[in-house]
Protein backbone atom coordinates (compact mmCIF):
# COMPACT_ATOMS: atom_id res chain seq x y z
CA MET A 1 -54.16 1.27 -2.89
CA THR A 2 -50.87 3.03 -3.43
CA LEU A 3 -47.47 1.52 -3.82
CA THR A 4 -45.06 2.76 -1.54
CA PRO A 5 -41.35 1.90 -1.34
CA ASP A 6 -40.24 -0.06 1.79
CA ILE A 7 -38.14 2.04 3.81
CA GLN A 8 -36.37 0.22 6.19
CA PRO A 9 -33.44 1.37 8.12
CA PRO A 10 -29.76 0.47 7.83
CA ARG A 11 -28.72 -2.69 9.60
CA ALA A 12 -26.11 -2.74 12.27
CA GLY A 13 -22.66 -2.17 11.10
CA GLN A 14 -23.90 -1.33 7.44
CA HIS A 15 -22.73 2.21 6.25
CA ASN A 16 -24.67 4.03 3.91
CA ASP A 17 -23.26 7.20 4.66
CA SER A 18 -22.00 9.49 2.18
CA THR A 19 -19.14 10.71 3.91
CA SER A 20 -18.01 7.12 4.86
CA THR A 21 -18.16 6.66 0.98
CA ALA A 22 -16.22 9.83 0.12
CA ALA A 23 -13.50 8.67 2.84
CA LYS A 24 -13.04 5.31 1.28
CA LEU A 25 -12.78 6.84 -2.07
CA VAL A 26 -10.01 9.39 -0.98
CA GLY A 27 -8.56 6.54 1.01
CA GLY A 28 -8.44 4.06 -2.04
CA ALA A 29 -7.01 6.67 -4.10
CA ILE A 30 -4.22 7.74 -1.63
CA LEU A 31 -3.41 3.95 -1.24
CA TRP A 32 -3.29 3.46 -5.12
CA LEU A 33 -1.02 6.36 -5.73
CA PHE A 34 1.31 5.58 -2.94
CA ALA A 35 1.42 1.61 -4.23
CA ALA A 36 2.01 3.13 -7.64
CA VAL A 37 4.84 5.32 -6.76
CA THR A 38 6.63 2.61 -4.61
CA PHE A 39 6.28 -0.03 -7.53
CA CYS A 40 7.59 2.33 -10.07
CA VAL A 41 10.02 4.79 -8.44
CA LEU A 42 11.38 2.82 -5.55
CA PRO A 43 13.22 -0.25 -7.65
CA LEU A 44 15.20 2.84 -9.39
CA SER A 45 16.93 3.31 -6.00
CA THR A 46 19.36 0.38 -7.13
CA MET A 47 21.16 3.03 -8.86
CA ALA A 48 22.75 4.16 -5.66
CA SER A 49 25.05 1.28 -6.33
CA ASP A 50 26.65 2.91 -9.49
CA GLY A 51 29.54 4.42 -7.60
CA CYS A 52 30.47 1.00 -6.00
CA ASN A 53 34.11 -0.29 -6.82
CA GLU A 54 35.57 -3.65 -5.64
CA GLY A 55 36.03 -3.99 -2.06
CA ASP A 56 33.42 -1.55 -1.14
CA THR A 57 31.59 -2.58 2.28
CA GLN A 58 28.50 -0.61 1.86
CA LEU A 59 25.36 -2.86 1.83
CA ILE A 60 24.02 -1.57 -1.59
CA CYS A 61 27.41 -2.83 -3.15
CA SER A 62 26.08 -6.34 -2.87
CA ILE A 63 24.28 -8.34 -4.97
CA GLY A 64 21.69 -9.63 -2.80
CA ALA A 65 20.98 -6.23 -1.54
CA GLN A 66 20.52 -4.55 -5.24
CA GLN A 67 18.18 -7.46 -5.77
CA ALA A 68 16.46 -6.62 -2.61
CA VAL A 69 16.08 -3.22 -3.45
CA VAL A 70 14.28 -3.98 -6.72
CA PHE A 71 12.33 -6.72 -6.03
CA ILE A 72 10.92 -5.90 -2.36
CA PRO A 73 8.93 -2.93 -3.85
CA MET A 74 7.57 -4.99 -6.66
CA LEU A 75 6.52 -7.37 -4.37
CA THR A 76 5.33 -5.38 -1.63
CA ALA A 77 3.28 -2.86 -3.53
CA PRO A 78 0.64 -4.88 -5.39
CA THR A 79 0.13 -6.98 -2.20
CA ALA A 80 -0.56 -3.73 -0.16
CA ALA A 81 -2.71 -2.42 -2.98
CA ALA A 82 -4.80 -5.44 -2.79
CA LEU A 83 -4.87 -5.62 1.00
CA GLY A 84 -6.03 -2.35 1.42
CA THR A 85 -8.41 -2.39 -1.03
CA TRP A 86 -10.08 -5.41 0.48
CA GLY A 87 -10.15 -3.24 3.83
CA LEU A 88 -12.04 -0.76 2.41
CA CYS A 89 -14.37 -2.86 0.36
CA SER A 90 -15.11 -5.24 3.03
CA ARG A 91 -17.78 -4.90 5.88
CA ARG A 92 -15.77 -7.10 8.07
CA ALA A 93 -15.06 -5.64 11.50
CA ILE A 94 -11.44 -6.14 11.17
CA ALA A 95 -11.44 -4.67 7.57
CA PRO A 96 -10.18 -0.92 8.34
CA PHE A 97 -7.46 -2.37 9.92
CA ALA A 98 -6.08 -3.80 6.52
CA TRP A 99 -5.81 -0.33 5.09
CA ILE A 100 -3.86 0.78 8.00
CA ALA A 101 -1.67 -2.45 7.58
CA ALA A 102 -1.38 -1.84 3.82
CA MET A 103 -0.31 1.78 4.41
CA LEU A 104 2.39 0.72 7.23
CA LEU A 105 3.95 -1.97 4.71
CA LEU A 106 4.51 0.56 2.15
CA MET A 107 6.14 2.95 4.62
CA GLY A 108 8.17 0.10 5.67
CA THR A 109 9.07 -0.77 2.24
CA TRP A 110 10.28 2.74 1.80
CA ALA A 111 12.22 2.71 5.28
CA ALA A 112 13.74 -0.91 4.38
CA VAL A 113 15.08 0.29 0.87
CA GLY A 114 16.32 3.43 2.34
CA GLU A 115 18.30 1.96 4.81
CA ILE A 116 19.78 -0.58 2.08
CA THR A 117 20.86 2.55 -0.19
CA ARG A 118 22.26 4.52 2.65
């Protein structure tokens, strides 16, 4: 009697493809780099308020806007990184949309901070 391993085809919805794994690794690296740059660089945009004087009506010259420029990226980047990582690791049908939502969340953060500092 010879011992042979049981070879079974993958179940429906199960991805054992090396291309899929490589795509997930690249997607994860892009997500984490984008989140890291958002977290580390974007709060520095508050320096756009350096030229503000008393009576300036620009949005960045208000204290609330300056705090938003700092805290929005610092809260959004880790949230997006966690959401996108879950999307890449989960086998649920909706999981790939979590990565897309995470990337859109980061892009929206850049747009919002850009609008405030304009």
